[in-house]
Amino acid sequence: MATIQPLQKSGIISRKIGRENMLYNPENKSVLVLNASAALVWGMCDGRHTIPDIKRNLETACLVPEAVNLESDIGEILQELTKSGVLFC
């Protein structure tokens, strides 16, 4: 999983609304609302960053305690983004 470099699908419309980000997939007309941490993960899905890169960014940005299994959380976020049709993973 560490060498995966997730990539946002083209054509996805992203808008920030308050503290959340909304993603609209015109292909299947679906809307996905992301909280702040999921938005950070989404923002790093550029085809260049790996899971460890994303993890380091979240640890720094969110001051995550060591006891939290970030890789598992990131995996769940990536799985949901992929399932929603907005991400290649």
PDB file of N, CA and C in Angstrom:
ATOM      1  N   MET A   1       0.821  -1.202   0.000  1.00  0.00           N
ATOM      2  CA  MET A   1       0.000   0.000   0.000  1.00  0.00           C
ATOM      3  C   MET A   1       0.860   1.259   0.000  1.00  0.00           C
ATOM      4  N   ALA A   2       2.077   1.180   0.513  1.00  0.00           N
ATOM      5  CA  ALA A   2       2.930   2.358   0.657  1.00  0.00           C
ATOM      6  C   ALA A   2       3.333   2.971  -0.679  1.00  0.00           C
ATOM      7  N   THR A   3       3.418   2.185  -1.738  1.00  0.00           N
ATOM      8  CA  THR A   3       3.853   2.739  -3.015  1.00  0.00           C
ATOM      9  C   THR A   3       2.699   3.259  -3.865  1.00  0.00           C
ATOM     10  N   ILE A   4       1.477   3.116  -3.400  1.00  0.00           N
ATOM     11  CA  ILE A   4       0.319   3.640  -4.126  1.00  0.00           C
ATOM     12  C   ILE A   4       0.414   5.154  -4.154  1.00  0.00           C
ATOM     13  N   GLN A   5       0.168   5.725  -5.333  1.00  0.00           N
ATOM     14  CA  GLN A   5       0.152   7.177  -5.488  1.00  0.00           C
ATOM     15  C   GLN A   5      -1.217   7.573  -6.046  1.00  0.00           C
ATOM     16  N   PRO A   6      -2.191   7.792  -5.149  1.00  0.00           N
ATOM     17  CA  PRO A   6      -3.556   8.071  -5.575  1.00  0.00           C
ATOM     18  C   PRO A   6      -3.636   9.311  -6.456  1.00  0.00           C
ATOM     19  N   LEU A   7      -4.584   9.278  -7.402  1.00  0.00           N
ATOM     20  CA  LEU A   7      -4.741  10.367  -8.367  1.00  0.00           C
ATOM     21  C   LEU A   7      -6.209  10.739  -8.498  1.00  0.00           C
ATOM     22  N   GLN A   8      -6.488  12.040  -8.355  1.00  0.00           N
ATOM     23  CA  GLN A   8      -7.838  12.541  -8.553  1.00  0.00           C
ATOM     24  C   GLN A   8      -8.244  12.339 -10.017  1.00  0.00           C
ATOM     25  N   LYS A   9      -9.488  11.933 -10.236  1.00  0.00           N
ATOM     26  CA  LYS A   9      -9.992  11.837 -11.599  1.00  0.00           C
ATOM     27  C   LYS A   9     -10.226  13.248 -12.127  1.00  0.00           C
ATOM     28  N   SER A  10      -9.987  13.441 -13.400  1.00  0.00           N
ATOM     29  CA  SER A  10     -10.226  14.758 -13.989  1.00  0.00           C
ATOM     30  C   SER A  10     -11.727  14.989 -14.094  1.00  0.00           C
ATOM     31  N   GLY A  11     -12.109  16.238 -14.083  1.00  0.00           N
ATOM     32  CA  GLY A  11     -13.516  16.604 -14.215  1.00  0.00           C
ATOM     33  C   GLY A  11     -14.267  16.681 -12.906  1.00  0.00           C
ATOM     34  N   ILE A  12     -13.631  16.310 -11.804  1.00  0.00           N
ATOM     35  CA  ILE A  12     -14.289  16.384 -10.495  1.00  0.00           C
ATOM     36  C   ILE A  12     -14.283  17.840 -10.039  1.00  0.00           C
ATOM     37  N   ILE A  13     -15.438  18.315  -9.618  1.00  0.00           N
ATOM     38  CA  ILE A  13     -15.564  19.703  -9.169  1.00  0.00           C
ATOM     39  C   ILE A  13     -15.460  19.726  -7.647  1.00  0.00           C
ATOM     40  N   SER A  14     -14.531  20.531  -7.140  1.00  0.00           N
ATOM     41  CA  SER A  14     -14.289  20.631  -5.705  1.00  0.00           C
ATOM     42  C   SER A  14     -14.605  22.052  -5.244  1.00  0.00           C
ATOM     43  N   ARG A  15     -15.409  22.157  -4.193  1.00  0.00           N
ATOM     44  CA  ARG A  15     -15.753  23.456  -3.617  1.00  0.00           C
ATOM     45  C   ARG A  15     -15.631  23.380  -2.108  1.00  0.00           C
ATOM     46  N   LYS A  16     -15.098  24.435  -1.502  1.00  0.00           N
ATOM     47  CA  LYS A  16     -15.009  24.520  -0.048  1.00  0.00           C
ATOM     48  C   LYS A  16     -16.250  25.248   0.454  1.00  0.00           C
ATOM     49  N   ILE A  17     -16.929  24.610   1.412  1.00  0.00           N
ATOM     50  CA  ILE A  17     -18.130  25.195   2.003  1.00  0.00           C
ATOM     51  C   ILE A  17     -17.938  25.181   3.514  1.00  0.00           C
ATOM     52  N   GLY A  18     -17.660  26.333   4.079  1.00  0.00           N
ATOM     53  CA  GLY A  18     -17.364  26.394   5.508  1.00  0.00           C
ATOM     54  C   GLY A  18     -16.109  25.595   5.817  1.00  0.00           C
ATOM     55  N   ARG A  19     -16.230  24.599   6.689  1.00  0.00           N
ATOM     56  CA  ARG A  19     -15.088  23.758   7.058  1.00  0.00           C
ATOM     57  C   ARG A  19     -15.017  22.472   6.248  1.00  0.00           C
ATOM     58  N   GLU A  20     -15.977  22.278   5.374  1.00  0.00           N
ATOM     59  CA  GLU A  20     -16.021  21.041   4.602  1.00  0.00           C
ATOM     60  C   GLU A  20     -15.774  21.314   3.119  1.00  0.00           C
ATOM     61  N   ASN A  21     -15.347  20.277   2.434  1.00  0.00           N
ATOM     62  CA  ASN A  21     -15.183  20.349   0.985  1.00  0.00           C
ATOM     63  C   ASN A  21     -16.235  19.468   0.348  1.00  0.00           C
ATOM     64  N   MET A  22     -16.784  19.942  -0.738  1.00  0.00           N
ATOM     65  CA  MET A  22     -17.752  19.173  -1.488  1.00  0.00           C
ATOM     66  C   MET A  22     -17.114  18.766  -2.806  1.00  0.00           C
ATOM     67  N   LEU A  23     -17.251  17.493  -3.144  1.00  0.00           N
ATOM     68  CA  LEU A  23     -16.778  17.001  -4.432  1.00  0.00           C
ATOM     69  C   LEU A  23     -17.998  16.591  -5.239  1.00  0.00           C
ATOM     70  N   TYR A  24     -18.054  17.058  -6.469  1.00  0.00           N
ATOM     71  CA  TYR A  24     -19.152  16.677  -7.363  1.00  0.00           C
ATOM     72  C   TYR A  24     -18.568  15.919  -8.531  1.00  0.00           C
ATOM     73  N   ASN A  25     -19.105  14.726  -8.772  1.00  0.00           N
ATOM     74  CA  ASN A  25     -18.681  13.897  -9.893  1.00  0.00           C
ATOM     75  C   ASN A  25     -19.764  13.984 -10.966  1.00  0.00           C
ATOM     76  N   PRO A  26     -19.529  14.767 -12.027  1.00  0.00           N
ATOM     77  CA  PRO A  26     -20.550  14.918 -13.064  1.00  0.00           C
ATOM     78  C   PRO A  26     -20.816  13.624 -13.837  1.00  0.00           C
ATOM     79  N   GLU A  27     -19.865  12.698 -13.779  1.00  0.00           N
ATOM     80  CA  GLU A  27     -20.023  11.430 -14.488  1.00  0.00           C
ATOM     81  C   GLU A  27     -21.200  10.621 -13.940  1.00  0.00           C
ATOM     82  N   ASN A  28     -21.299  10.534 -12.612  1.00  0.00           N
ATOM     83  CA  ASN A  28     -22.403   9.790 -12.015  1.00  0.00           C
ATOM     84  C   ASN A  28     -23.329  10.681 -11.178  1.00  0.00           C
ATOM     85  N   LYS A  29     -23.131  11.989 -11.304  1.00  0.00           N
ATOM     86  CA  LYS A  29     -23.945  13.001 -10.627  1.00  0.00           C
ATOM     87  C   LYS A  29     -24.003  12.808  -9.107  1.00  0.00           C
ATOM     88  N   SER A  30     -22.884  12.414  -8.535  1.00  0.00           N
ATOM     89  CA  SER A  30     -22.833  12.199  -7.090  1.00  0.00           C
ATOM     90  C   SER A  30     -22.091  13.333  -6.397  1.00  0.00           C
ATOM     91  N   VAL A  31     -22.462  13.552  -5.153  1.00  0.00           N
ATOM     92  CA  VAL A  31     -21.836  14.567  -4.314  1.00  0.00           C
ATOM     93  C   VAL A  31     -21.247  13.865  -3.098  1.00  0.00           C
ATOM     94  N   LEU A  32     -20.041  14.257  -2.754  1.00  0.00           N
ATOM     95  CA  LEU A  32     -19.364  13.702  -1.591  1.00  0.00           C
ATOM     96  C   LEU A  32     -18.880  14.874  -0.741  1.00  0.00           C
ATOM     97  N   VAL A  33     -19.187  14.847   0.547  1.00  0.00           N
ATOM     98  CA  VAL A  33     -18.764  15.907   1.456  1.00  0.00           C
ATOM     99  C   VAL A  33     -17.614  15.376   2.307  1.00  0.00           C
ATOM    100  N   LEU A  34     -16.516  16.136   2.329  1.00  0.00           N
ATOM    101  CA  LEU A  34     -15.316  15.736   3.058  1.00  0.00           C
ATOM    102  C   LEU A  34     -15.108  16.613   4.279  1.00  0.00           C
ATOM    103  N   ASN A  35     -14.726  15.986   5.392  1.00  0.00           N
ATOM    104  CA  ASN A  35     -14.326  16.785   6.541  1.00  0.00           C
ATOM    105  C   ASN A  35     -12.899  17.293   6.298  1.00  0.00           C
ATOM    106  N   ALA A  36     -12.351  18.013   7.251  1.00  0.00           N
ATOM    107  CA  ALA A  36     -11.040  18.649   7.059  1.00  0.00           C
ATOM    108  C   ALA A  36      -9.925  17.646   6.792  1.00  0.00           C
ATOM    109  N   SER A  37      -9.883  16.551   7.539  1.00  0.00           N
ATOM    110  CA  SER A  37      -8.800  15.592   7.337  1.00  0.00           C
ATOM    111  C   SER A  37      -8.946  14.852   6.008  1.00  0.00           C
ATOM    112  N   ALA A  38     -10.167  14.504   5.631  1.00  0.00           N
ATOM    113  CA  ALA A  38     -10.375  13.859   4.331  1.00  0.00           C
ATOM    114  C   ALA A  38     -10.026  14.820   3.196  1.00  0.00           C
ATOM    115  N   ALA A  39     -10.285  16.106   3.397  1.00  0.00           N
ATOM    116  CA  ALA A  39      -9.929  17.109   2.387  1.00  0.00           C
ATOM    117  C   ALA A  39      -8.414  17.205   2.229  1.00  0.00           C
ATOM    118  N   LEU A  40      -7.673  17.080   3.334  1.00  0.00           N
ATOM    119  CA  LEU A  40      -6.203  17.077   3.246  1.00  0.00           C
ATOM    120  C   LEU A  40      -5.720  15.874   2.444  1.00  0.00           C
ATOM    121  N   VAL A  41      -6.329  14.721   2.696  1.00  0.00           N
ATOM    122  CA  VAL A  41      -5.973  13.517   1.932  1.00  0.00           C
ATOM    123  C   VAL A  41      -6.290  13.750   0.463  1.00  0.00           C
ATOM    124  N   TRP A  42      -7.485  14.230   0.154  1.00  0.00           N
ATOM    125  CA  TRP A  42      -7.905  14.508  -1.224  1.00  0.00           C
ATOM    126  C   TRP A  42      -6.915  15.447  -1.909  1.00  0.00           C
ATOM    127  N   GLY A  43      -6.507  16.483  -1.203  1.00  0.00           N
ATOM    128  CA  GLY A  43      -5.599  17.471  -1.771  1.00  0.00           C
ATOM    129  C   GLY A  43      -4.239  16.905  -2.155  1.00  0.00           C
ATOM    130  N   MET A  44      -3.838  15.826  -1.504  1.00  0.00           N
ATOM    131  CA  MET A  44      -2.538  15.219  -1.810  1.00  0.00           C
ATOM    132  C   MET A  44      -2.637  14.102  -2.843  1.00  0.00           C
ATOM    133  N   CYS A  45      -3.830  13.843  -3.328  1.00  0.00           N
ATOM    134  CA  CYS A  45      -4.021  12.781  -4.328  1.00  0.00           C
ATOM    135  C   CYS A  45      -3.742  13.351  -5.727  1.00  0.00           C
ATOM    136  N   ASP A  46      -2.459  13.555  -5.979  1.00  0.00           N
ATOM    137  CA  ASP A  46      -2.035  14.177  -7.238  1.00  0.00           C
ATOM    138  C   ASP A  46      -1.192  13.231  -8.097  1.00  0.00           C
ATOM    139  N   GLY A  47      -1.141  11.962  -7.700  1.00  0.00           N
ATOM    140  CA  GLY A  47      -0.356  10.986  -8.462  1.00  0.00           C
ATOM    141  C   GLY A  47       1.124  10.995  -8.133  1.00  0.00           C
ATOM    142  N   ARG A  48       1.542  11.870  -7.235  1.00  0.00           N
ATOM    143  CA  ARG A  48       2.951  11.946  -6.841  1.00  0.00           C
ATOM    144  C   ARG A  48       3.184  11.535  -5.397  1.00  0.00           C
ATOM    145  N   HIS A  49       2.176  11.732  -4.542  1.00  0.00           N
ATOM    146  CA  HIS A  49       2.332  11.438  -3.117  1.00  0.00           C
ATOM    147  C   HIS A  49       1.896  10.013  -2.804  1.00  0.00           C
ATOM    148  N   THR A  50       2.670   9.372  -1.932  1.00  0.00           N
ATOM    149  CA  THR A  50       2.368   8.016  -1.482  1.00  0.00           C
ATOM    150  C   THR A  50       1.599   8.087  -0.158  1.00  0.00           C
ATOM    151  N   ILE A  51       1.149   6.938   0.315  1.00  0.00           N
ATOM    152  CA  ILE A  51       0.460   6.871   1.606  1.00  0.00           C
ATOM    153  C   ILE A  51       1.353   7.422   2.734  1.00  0.00           C
ATOM    154  N   PRO A  52       2.640   7.042   2.803  1.00  0.00           N
ATOM    155  CA  PRO A  52       3.493   7.625   3.851  1.00  0.00           C
ATOM    156  C   PRO A  52       3.605   9.158   3.745  1.00  0.00           C
ATOM    157  N   ASP A  53       3.637   9.691   2.519  1.00  0.00           N
ATOM    158  CA  ASP A  53       3.664  11.153   2.351  1.00  0.00           C
ATOM    159  C   ASP A  53       2.403  11.779   2.940  1.00  0.00           C
ATOM    160  N   ILE A  54       1.268  11.181   2.618  1.00  0.00           N
ATOM    161  CA  ILE A  54      -0.017  11.692   3.109  1.00  0.00           C
ATOM    162  C   ILE A  54      -0.065  11.588   4.630  1.00  0.00           C
ATOM    163  N   LYS A  55       0.423  10.480   5.165  1.00  0.00           N
ATOM    164  CA  LYS A  55       0.446  10.274   6.616  1.00  0.00           C
ATOM    165  C   LYS A  55       1.280  11.352   7.304  1.00  0.00           C
ATOM    166  N   ARG A  56       2.470  11.616   6.784  1.00  0.00           N
ATOM    167  CA  ARG A  56       3.334  12.658   7.376  1.00  0.00           C
ATOM    168  C   ARG A  56       2.643  14.016   7.351  1.00  0.00           C
ATOM    169  N   ASN A  57       1.975  14.331   6.260  1.00  0.00           N
ATOM    170  CA  ASN A  57       1.268  15.606   6.148  1.00  0.00           C
ATOM    171  C   ASN A  57       0.153  15.711   7.189  1.00  0.00           C
ATOM    172  N   LEU A  58      -0.619  14.646   7.340  1.00  0.00           N
ATOM    173  CA  LEU A  58      -1.694  14.651   8.340  1.00  0.00           C
ATOM    174  C   LEU A  58      -1.144  14.759   9.758  1.00  0.00           C
ATOM    175  N   GLU A  59      -0.069  14.046  10.041  1.00  0.00           N
ATOM    176  CA  GLU A  59       0.538  14.107  11.380  1.00  0.00           C
ATOM    177  C   GLU A  59       0.950  15.529  11.710  1.00  0.00           C
ATOM    178  N   THR A  60       1.513  16.222  10.734  1.00  0.00           N
ATOM    179  CA  THR A  60       1.966  17.594  10.947  1.00  0.00           C
ATOM    180  C   THR A  60       0.791  18.564  11.040  1.00  0.00           C
ATOM    181  N   ALA A  61      -0.137  18.459  10.097  1.00  0.00           N
ATOM    182  CA  ALA A  61      -1.250  19.407  10.018  1.00  0.00           C
ATOM    183  C   ALA A  61      -2.248  19.245  11.160  1.00  0.00           C
ATOM    184  N   CYS A  62      -2.452  18.020  11.610  1.00  0.00           N
ATOM    185  CA  CYS A  62      -3.504  17.746  12.595  1.00  0.00           C
ATOM    186  C   CYS A  62      -2.989  17.396  13.976  1.00  0.00           C
ATOM    187  N   LEU A  63      -1.669  17.369  14.176  1.00  0.00           N
ATOM    188  CA  LEU A  63      -1.069  17.000  15.459  1.00  0.00           C
ATOM    189  C   LEU A  63      -1.678  15.707  15.994  1.00  0.00           C
ATOM    190  N   VAL A  64      -1.574  14.659  15.205  1.00  0.00           N
ATOM    191  CA  VAL A  64      -2.171  13.364  15.516  1.00  0.00           C
ATOM    192  C   VAL A  64      -1.300  12.606  16.515  1.00  0.00           C
ATOM    193  N   PRO A  65      -1.906  12.078  17.586  1.00  0.00           N
ATOM    194  CA  PRO A  65      -1.135  11.271  18.545  1.00  0.00           C
ATOM    195  C   PRO A  65      -0.619   9.989  17.897  1.00  0.00           C
ATOM    196  N   GLU A  66       0.500   9.479  18.404  1.00  0.00           N
ATOM    197  CA  GLU A  66       1.114   8.268  17.853  1.00  0.00           C
ATOM    198  C   GLU A  66       0.203   7.057  17.908  1.00  0.00           C
ATOM    199  N   ALA A  67      -0.687   7.008  18.885  1.00  0.00           N
ATOM    200  CA  ALA A  67      -1.557   5.841  19.063  1.00  0.00           C
ATOM    201  C   ALA A  67      -2.586   5.690  17.940  1.00  0.00           C
ATOM    202  N   VAL A  68      -2.829   6.740  17.191  1.00  0.00           N
ATOM    203  CA  VAL A  68      -3.822   6.695  16.105  1.00  0.00           C
ATOM    204  C   VAL A  68      -3.221   5.980  14.904  1.00  0.00           C
ATOM    205  N   ASN A  69      -3.951   5.028  14.358  1.00  0.00           N
ATOM    206  CA  ASN A  69      -3.498   4.284  13.177  1.00  0.00           C
ATOM    207  C   ASN A  69      -3.897   5.057  11.918  1.00  0.00           C
ATOM    208  N   LEU A  70      -3.074   6.019  11.551  1.00  0.00           N
ATOM    209  CA  LEU A  70      -3.386   6.876  10.412  1.00  0.00           C
ATOM    210  C   LEU A  70      -3.436   6.127   9.095  1.00  0.00           C
ATOM    211  N   GLU A  71      -2.561   5.158   8.911  1.00  0.00           N
ATOM    212  CA  GLU A  71      -2.560   4.433   7.633  1.00  0.00           C
ATOM    213  C   GLU A  71      -3.887   3.748   7.395  1.00  0.00           C
ATOM    214  N   SER A  72      -4.482   3.209   8.434  1.00  0.00           N
ATOM    215  CA  SER A  72      -5.790   2.576   8.320  1.00  0.00           C
ATOM    216  C   SER A  72      -6.855   3.617   7.973  1.00  0.00           C
ATOM    217  N   ASP A  73      -6.819   4.754   8.657  1.00  0.00           N
ATOM    218  CA  ASP A  73      -7.785   5.830   8.386  1.00  0.00           C
ATOM    219  C   ASP A  73      -7.630   6.361   6.966  1.00  0.00           C
ATOM    220  N   ILE A  74      -6.391   6.565   6.537  1.00  0.00           N
ATOM    221  CA  ILE A  74      -6.129   7.043   5.178  1.00  0.00           C
ATOM    222  C   ILE A  74      -6.632   6.018   4.171  1.00  0.00           C
ATOM    223  N   GLY A  75      -6.396   4.743   4.448  1.00  0.00           N
ATOM    224  CA  GLY A  75      -6.879   3.683   3.565  1.00  0.00           C
ATOM    225  C   GLY A  75      -8.389   3.712   3.417  1.00  0.00           C
ATOM    226  N   GLU A  76      -9.100   3.948   4.518  1.00  0.00           N
ATOM    227  CA  GLU A  76     -10.562   4.032   4.467  1.00  0.00           C
ATOM    228  C   GLU A  76     -11.013   5.227   3.639  1.00  0.00           C
ATOM    229  N   ILE A  77     -10.344   6.362   3.813  1.00  0.00           N
ATOM    230  CA  ILE A  77     -10.689   7.560   3.040  1.00  0.00           C
ATOM    231  C   ILE A  77     -10.462   7.303   1.556  1.00  0.00           C
ATOM    232  N   LEU A  78      -9.306   6.732   1.216  1.00  0.00           N
ATOM    233  CA  LEU A  78      -8.994   6.452  -0.186  1.00  0.00           C
ATOM    234  C   LEU A  78      -9.986   5.451  -0.781  1.00  0.00           C
ATOM    235  N   GLN A  79     -10.368   4.469   0.016  1.00  0.00           N
ATOM    236  CA  GLN A  79     -11.334   3.474  -0.453  1.00  0.00           C
ATOM    237  C   GLN A  79     -12.683   4.147  -0.751  1.00  0.00           C
ATOM    238  N   GLU A  80     -13.123   5.038   0.122  1.00  0.00           N
ATOM    239  CA  GLU A  80     -14.393   5.735  -0.084  1.00  0.00           C
ATOM    240  C   GLU A  80     -14.323   6.659  -1.304  1.00  0.00           C
ATOM    241  N   LEU A  81     -13.205   7.364  -1.466  1.00  0.00           N
ATOM    242  CA  LEU A  81     -13.041   8.244  -2.625  1.00  0.00           C
ATOM    243  C   LEU A  81     -13.036   7.445  -3.925  1.00  0.00           C
ATOM    244  N   THR A  82     -12.389   6.286  -3.898  1.00  0.00           N
ATOM    245  CA  THR A  82     -12.342   5.415  -5.080  1.00  0.00           C
ATOM    246  C   THR A  82     -13.744   4.866  -5.375  1.00  0.00           C
ATOM    247  N   LYS A  83     -14.411   4.401  -4.334  1.00  0.00           N
ATOM    248  CA  LYS A  83     -15.770   3.843  -4.481  1.00  0.00           C
ATOM    249  C   LYS A  83     -16.740   4.903  -5.025  1.00  0.00           C
ATOM    250  N   SER A  84     -16.533   6.167  -4.643  1.00  0.00           N
ATOM    251  CA  SER A  84     -17.391   7.265  -5.088  1.00  0.00           C
ATOM    252  C   SER A  84     -17.068   7.715  -6.510  1.00  0.00           C
ATOM    253  N   GLY A  85     -16.012   7.172  -7.085  1.00  0.00           N
ATOM    254  CA  GLY A  85     -15.684   7.481  -8.464  1.00  0.00           C
ATOM    255  C   GLY A  85     -14.933   8.773  -8.690  1.00  0.00           C
ATOM    256  N   VAL A  86     -14.284   9.294  -7.640  1.00  0.00           N
ATOM    257  CA  VAL A  86     -13.547  10.552  -7.811  1.00  0.00           C
ATOM    258  C   VAL A  86     -12.032  10.373  -7.794  1.00  0.00           C
ATOM    259  N   LEU A  87     -11.585   9.126  -7.599  1.00  0.00           N
ATOM    260  CA  LEU A  87     -10.153   8.878  -7.390  1.00  0.00           C
ATOM    261  C   LEU A  87      -9.723   7.574  -8.058  1.00  0.00           C
ATOM    262  N   PHE A  88      -8.525   7.615  -8.636  1.00  0.00           N
ATOM    263  CA  PHE A  88      -7.842   6.388  -9.096  1.00  0.00           C
ATOM    264  C   PHE A  88      -6.885   5.985  -7.986  1.00  0.00           C
ATOM    265  N   CYS A  89      -6.925   4.741  -7.576  1.00  0.00           N
ATOM    266  CA  CYS A  89      -6.055   4.312  -6.495  1.00  0.00           C
ATOM    267  C   CYS A  89      -5.434   2.971  -6.826  1.00  0.00           C
TER     268      CYS A  89
END
